[in-house]
Amino acid sequence: MAAVPARSGRHAAGRRSPAPAPSEPLDLDLDLGEDVTPDKVEEIADQMLTHLAATEPRPAFIDYDELPGGKWGAIAGGMVALIVMIMIGSVFLNLLFNR
């Protein structure tokens, strides 16, 4: 596995470096000399999925570095959306209660 270069500069302070994935080999119990039953296939699939879940990195739900404006652009956009929703809600409540 190639080493990830260290980040530098003023934008690197808030970024987390990805955790290295474990490099242990996949240890499967493959006895293919006997008849392969569906239960044996399911057991091998479970072992492979467990290994994959342990070694694959999980991406963040929202990657703020990919958004225009970064983290602060997302915060500003969220605040604008919140203000617009409050304004729409107040107009709706005004129409509903002040007839």
N, C-alpha and C. Protein backbone atom coordinates (compact mmCIF):
# COMPACT_ATOMS: atom_id res chain seq x y z
N MET A 1 0.85 -1.17 0.00
CA MET A 1 0.00 0.00 0.00
C MET A 1 0.90 1.24 0.00
N ALA A 2 0.62 2.18 -0.87
CA ALA A 2 1.44 3.37 -0.99
C ALA A 2 1.15 4.31 0.18
N ALA A 3 2.17 4.98 0.63
CA ALA A 3 2.02 5.92 1.74
C ALA A 3 1.35 7.19 1.24
N VAL A 4 0.49 7.75 2.06
CA VAL A 4 -0.20 8.98 1.72
C VAL A 4 0.71 10.15 2.09
N PRO A 5 0.96 11.08 1.16
CA PRO A 5 1.83 12.19 1.49
C PRO A 5 1.19 13.08 2.55
N ALA A 6 2.03 13.65 3.40
CA ALA A 6 1.53 14.54 4.45
C ALA A 6 1.03 15.82 3.82
N ARG A 7 -0.08 16.32 4.32
CA ARG A 7 -0.64 17.56 3.81
C ARG A 7 0.03 18.72 4.50
N SER A 8 0.17 19.80 3.77
CA SER A 8 0.78 20.99 4.34
C SER A 8 0.05 22.20 3.82
N GLY A 9 0.32 23.33 4.42
CA GLY A 9 -0.31 24.56 3.99
C GLY A 9 -1.42 24.96 4.93
N ARG A 10 -2.02 26.09 4.65
CA ARG A 10 -3.01 26.62 5.57
C ARG A 10 -4.34 25.87 5.52
N HIS A 11 -4.62 25.17 4.42
CA HIS A 11 -5.87 24.44 4.32
C HIS A 11 -5.79 23.04 4.90
N ALA A 12 -4.61 22.60 5.29
CA ALA A 12 -4.44 21.24 5.79
C ALA A 12 -4.73 21.13 7.27
N ALA A 13 -4.92 22.23 7.97
CA ALA A 13 -5.07 22.18 9.43
C ALA A 13 -6.34 21.45 9.85
N GLY A 14 -7.45 21.64 9.14
CA GLY A 14 -8.70 21.03 9.55
C GLY A 14 -8.95 19.66 8.98
N ARG A 15 -8.11 19.20 8.08
CA ARG A 15 -8.35 17.92 7.42
C ARG A 15 -7.79 16.78 8.24
N ARG A 16 -8.54 15.70 8.23
CA ARG A 16 -8.07 14.49 8.90
C ARG A 16 -7.43 13.58 7.88
N SER A 17 -6.32 12.97 8.24
CA SER A 17 -5.70 12.02 7.32
C SER A 17 -6.45 10.70 7.40
N PRO A 18 -6.60 10.00 6.29
CA PRO A 18 -7.35 8.74 6.32
C PRO A 18 -6.60 7.69 7.14
N ALA A 19 -7.38 6.90 7.87
CA ALA A 19 -6.78 5.83 8.67
C ALA A 19 -6.30 4.73 7.74
N PRO A 20 -5.12 4.20 7.99
CA PRO A 20 -4.63 3.13 7.12
C PRO A 20 -5.45 1.86 7.31
N ALA A 21 -5.73 1.21 6.21
CA ALA A 21 -6.50 -0.03 6.27
C ALA A 21 -5.60 -1.17 6.74
N PRO A 22 -6.14 -2.10 7.50
CA PRO A 22 -5.32 -3.24 7.93
C PRO A 22 -4.85 -4.02 6.71
N SER A 23 -3.60 -4.47 6.75
CA SER A 23 -3.04 -5.15 5.60
C SER A 23 -2.93 -6.66 5.81
N GLU A 24 -3.71 -7.18 6.71
CA GLU A 24 -3.65 -8.62 6.93
C GLU A 24 -4.39 -9.35 5.81
N PRO A 25 -3.87 -10.50 5.39
CA PRO A 25 -4.51 -11.22 4.28
C PRO A 25 -5.83 -11.85 4.72
N LEU A 26 -6.66 -12.08 3.75
CA LEU A 26 -7.96 -12.70 4.00
C LEU A 26 -7.76 -14.19 4.24
N ASP A 27 -8.19 -14.67 5.40
CA ASP A 27 -8.02 -16.07 5.78
C ASP A 27 -9.37 -16.77 5.65
N LEU A 28 -9.56 -17.48 4.55
CA LEU A 28 -10.82 -18.19 4.31
C LEU A 28 -10.63 -19.68 4.53
N ASP A 29 -11.67 -20.31 5.02
CA ASP A 29 -11.67 -21.77 5.16
C ASP A 29 -12.28 -22.37 3.90
N LEU A 30 -11.44 -22.62 2.91
CA LEU A 30 -11.92 -23.16 1.65
C LEU A 30 -11.56 -24.64 1.55
N ASP A 31 -12.54 -25.49 1.74
CA ASP A 31 -12.38 -26.92 1.54
C ASP A 31 -13.24 -27.29 0.33
N LEU A 32 -12.69 -27.10 -0.85
CA LEU A 32 -13.46 -27.31 -2.06
C LEU A 32 -13.38 -28.75 -2.55
N GLY A 33 -12.72 -29.63 -1.81
CA GLY A 33 -12.65 -31.03 -2.20
C GLY A 33 -13.98 -31.75 -2.01
N GLU A 34 -14.78 -31.27 -1.11
CA GLU A 34 -16.09 -31.87 -0.86
C GLU A 34 -17.16 -31.14 -1.65
N ASP A 35 -18.36 -31.63 -1.58
CA ASP A 35 -19.47 -30.97 -2.27
C ASP A 35 -19.72 -29.62 -1.63
N VAL A 36 -19.92 -28.62 -2.48
CA VAL A 36 -20.17 -27.27 -1.99
C VAL A 36 -21.67 -27.11 -1.81
N THR A 37 -22.07 -26.85 -0.59
CA THR A 37 -23.48 -26.68 -0.27
C THR A 37 -23.81 -25.18 -0.20
N PRO A 38 -25.06 -24.84 -0.32
CA PRO A 38 -25.42 -23.42 -0.19
C PRO A 38 -25.03 -22.84 1.17
N ASP A 39 -25.06 -23.66 2.22
CA ASP A 39 -24.64 -23.17 3.53
C ASP A 39 -23.16 -22.81 3.54
N LYS A 40 -22.35 -23.63 2.87
CA LYS A 40 -20.91 -23.37 2.80
C LYS A 40 -20.63 -22.09 2.00
N VAL A 41 -21.37 -21.90 0.91
CA VAL A 41 -21.21 -20.69 0.10
C VAL A 41 -21.60 -19.46 0.93
N GLU A 42 -22.68 -19.57 1.69
CA GLU A 42 -23.12 -18.45 2.52
C GLU A 42 -22.10 -18.14 3.62
N GLU A 43 -21.48 -19.17 4.18
CA GLU A 43 -20.46 -18.98 5.21
C GLU A 43 -19.23 -18.27 4.65
N ILE A 44 -18.80 -18.69 3.45
CA ILE A 44 -17.65 -18.04 2.81
C ILE A 44 -17.99 -16.60 2.45
N ALA A 45 -19.21 -16.35 1.97
CA ALA A 45 -19.62 -14.99 1.63
C ALA A 45 -19.65 -14.12 2.88
N ASP A 46 -20.11 -14.64 4.00
CA ASP A 46 -20.12 -13.88 5.25
C ASP A 46 -18.70 -13.53 5.69
N GLN A 47 -17.77 -14.48 5.54
CA GLN A 47 -16.38 -14.21 5.90
C GLN A 47 -15.79 -13.11 5.01
N MET A 48 -16.09 -13.16 3.72
CA MET A 48 -15.56 -12.17 2.80
C MET A 48 -16.17 -10.79 3.07
N LEU A 49 -17.47 -10.75 3.35
CA LEU A 49 -18.12 -9.47 3.64
C LEU A 49 -17.63 -8.87 4.95
N THR A 50 -17.36 -9.72 5.94
CA THR A 50 -16.82 -9.24 7.20
C THR A 50 -15.44 -8.64 7.00
N HIS A 51 -14.61 -9.32 6.20
CA HIS A 51 -13.28 -8.80 5.91
C HIS A 51 -13.35 -7.49 5.13
N LEU A 52 -14.26 -7.42 4.17
CA LEU A 52 -14.42 -6.21 3.38
C LEU A 52 -14.89 -5.05 4.25
N ALA A 53 -15.82 -5.30 5.17
CA ALA A 53 -16.31 -4.24 6.05
C ALA A 53 -15.22 -3.73 6.97
N ALA A 54 -14.29 -4.60 7.34
CA ALA A 54 -13.21 -4.19 8.24
C ALA A 54 -12.10 -3.44 7.51
N THR A 55 -11.92 -3.68 6.22
CA THR A 55 -10.78 -3.09 5.52
C THR A 55 -11.14 -1.90 4.64
N GLU A 56 -12.37 -1.76 4.21
CA GLU A 56 -12.75 -0.67 3.34
C GLU A 56 -12.95 0.62 4.13
N PRO A 57 -12.37 1.72 3.67
CA PRO A 57 -12.62 3.00 4.35
C PRO A 57 -14.04 3.48 4.06
N ARG A 58 -14.64 4.07 5.05
CA ARG A 58 -15.99 4.59 4.88
C ARG A 58 -15.93 6.09 4.61
N PRO A 59 -16.50 6.52 3.50
CA PRO A 59 -16.46 7.95 3.21
C PRO A 59 -17.41 8.71 4.13
N ALA A 60 -17.11 9.96 4.34
CA ALA A 60 -17.97 10.82 5.15
C ALA A 60 -19.29 11.02 4.42
N PHE A 61 -20.34 11.30 5.19
CA PHE A 61 -21.66 11.52 4.60
C PHE A 61 -21.62 12.72 3.67
N ILE A 62 -21.02 13.81 4.13
CA ILE A 62 -20.86 15.00 3.30
C ILE A 62 -19.38 15.38 3.35
N ASP A 63 -18.76 15.47 2.19
CA ASP A 63 -17.38 15.90 2.12
C ASP A 63 -17.38 17.40 1.84
N TYR A 64 -17.11 18.17 2.88
CA TYR A 64 -17.18 19.63 2.76
C TYR A 64 -16.12 20.19 1.83
N ASP A 65 -15.05 19.45 1.61
CA ASP A 65 -14.02 19.94 0.69
C ASP A 65 -14.49 19.91 -0.75
N GLU A 66 -15.47 19.08 -1.06
CA GLU A 66 -15.97 18.99 -2.44
C GLU A 66 -17.02 20.05 -2.74
N LEU A 67 -17.61 20.66 -1.72
CA LEU A 67 -18.64 21.67 -1.93
C LEU A 67 -18.01 23.00 -2.33
N PRO A 68 -18.71 23.78 -3.14
CA PRO A 68 -18.18 25.11 -3.45
C PRO A 68 -18.20 25.97 -2.19
N GLY A 69 -17.08 26.55 -1.85
CA GLY A 69 -16.99 27.37 -0.65
C GLY A 69 -16.50 26.59 0.55
N GLY A 70 -16.39 25.27 0.43
CA GLY A 70 -15.90 24.45 1.53
C GLY A 70 -16.86 24.43 2.70
N LYS A 71 -16.29 24.30 3.89
CA LYS A 71 -17.10 24.19 5.11
C LYS A 71 -17.89 25.47 5.36
N TRP A 72 -17.26 26.62 5.18
CA TRP A 72 -17.94 27.87 5.47
C TRP A 72 -19.01 28.20 4.43
N GLY A 73 -18.81 27.78 3.21
CA GLY A 73 -19.86 27.94 2.20
C GLY A 73 -21.08 27.10 2.52
N ALA A 74 -20.85 25.88 3.03
CA ALA A 74 -21.97 25.02 3.43
C ALA A 74 -22.72 25.61 4.62
N ILE A 75 -21.99 26.19 5.57
CA ILE A 75 -22.63 26.81 6.73
C ILE A 75 -23.46 28.01 6.28
N ALA A 76 -22.90 28.85 5.40
CA ALA A 76 -23.64 30.02 4.91
C ALA A 76 -24.87 29.59 4.12
N GLY A 77 -24.74 28.57 3.29
CA GLY A 77 -25.89 28.09 2.53
C GLY A 77 -26.97 27.51 3.43
N GLY A 78 -26.55 26.82 4.47
CA GLY A 78 -27.52 26.28 5.44
C GLY A 78 -28.25 27.37 6.18
N MET A 79 -27.53 28.43 6.53
CA MET A 79 -28.18 29.54 7.23
C MET A 79 -29.18 30.26 6.31
N VAL A 80 -28.81 30.45 5.05
CA VAL A 80 -29.74 31.08 4.10
C VAL A 80 -30.98 30.22 3.94
N ALA A 81 -30.79 28.90 3.82
CA ALA A 81 -31.94 28.00 3.69
C ALA A 81 -32.81 28.03 4.94
N LEU A 82 -32.21 28.10 6.12
CA LEU A 82 -32.98 28.17 7.36
C LEU A 82 -33.79 29.46 7.43
N ILE A 83 -33.19 30.58 7.06
CA ILE A 83 -33.90 31.86 7.08
C ILE A 83 -35.06 31.85 6.10
N VAL A 84 -34.86 31.31 4.91
CA VAL A 84 -35.94 31.23 3.92
C VAL A 84 -37.08 30.34 4.44
N MET A 85 -36.75 29.22 5.06
CA MET A 85 -37.79 28.34 5.59
C MET A 85 -38.56 29.01 6.73
N ILE A 86 -37.89 29.77 7.58
CA ILE A 86 -38.57 30.49 8.65
C ILE A 86 -39.49 31.56 8.07
N MET A 87 -39.03 32.25 7.03
CA MET A 87 -39.88 33.26 6.40
C MET A 87 -41.12 32.64 5.76
N ILE A 88 -40.95 31.52 5.07
CA ILE A 88 -42.10 30.85 4.44
C ILE A 88 -43.05 30.35 5.52
N GLY A 89 -42.52 29.79 6.59
CA GLY A 89 -43.36 29.32 7.69
C GLY A 89 -44.12 30.44 8.35
N SER A 90 -43.48 31.60 8.54
CA SER A 90 -44.18 32.73 9.17
C SER A 90 -45.28 33.27 8.27
N VAL A 91 -45.05 33.30 6.96
CA VAL A 91 -46.11 33.75 6.04
C VAL A 91 -47.28 32.78 6.08
N PHE A 92 -46.99 31.48 6.09
CA PHE A 92 -48.05 30.48 6.15
C PHE A 92 -48.85 30.59 7.46
N LEU A 93 -48.15 30.74 8.57
CA LEU A 93 -48.86 30.88 9.86
C LEU A 93 -49.64 32.19 9.92
N ASN A 94 -49.14 33.26 9.33
CA ASN A 94 -49.85 34.52 9.29
C ASN A 94 -51.14 34.38 8.47
N LEU A 95 -51.08 33.72 7.35
CA LEU A 95 -52.28 33.52 6.53
C LEU A 95 -53.29 32.61 7.24
N LEU A 96 -52.79 31.66 8.00
CA LEU A 96 -53.66 30.69 8.67
C LEU A 96 -54.37 31.30 9.86
N PHE A 97 -53.70 32.11 10.66
CA PHE A 97 -54.27 32.62 11.91
C PHE A 97 -54.82 34.03 11.85
N ASN A 98 -54.48 34.83 10.86
CA ASN A 98 -54.94 36.22 10.78
C ASN A 98 -55.90 36.40 9.63
N ARG A 99 -57.00 35.73 9.68
CA ARG A 99 -58.02 35.90 8.63
C ARG A 99 -59.05 36.88 9.03
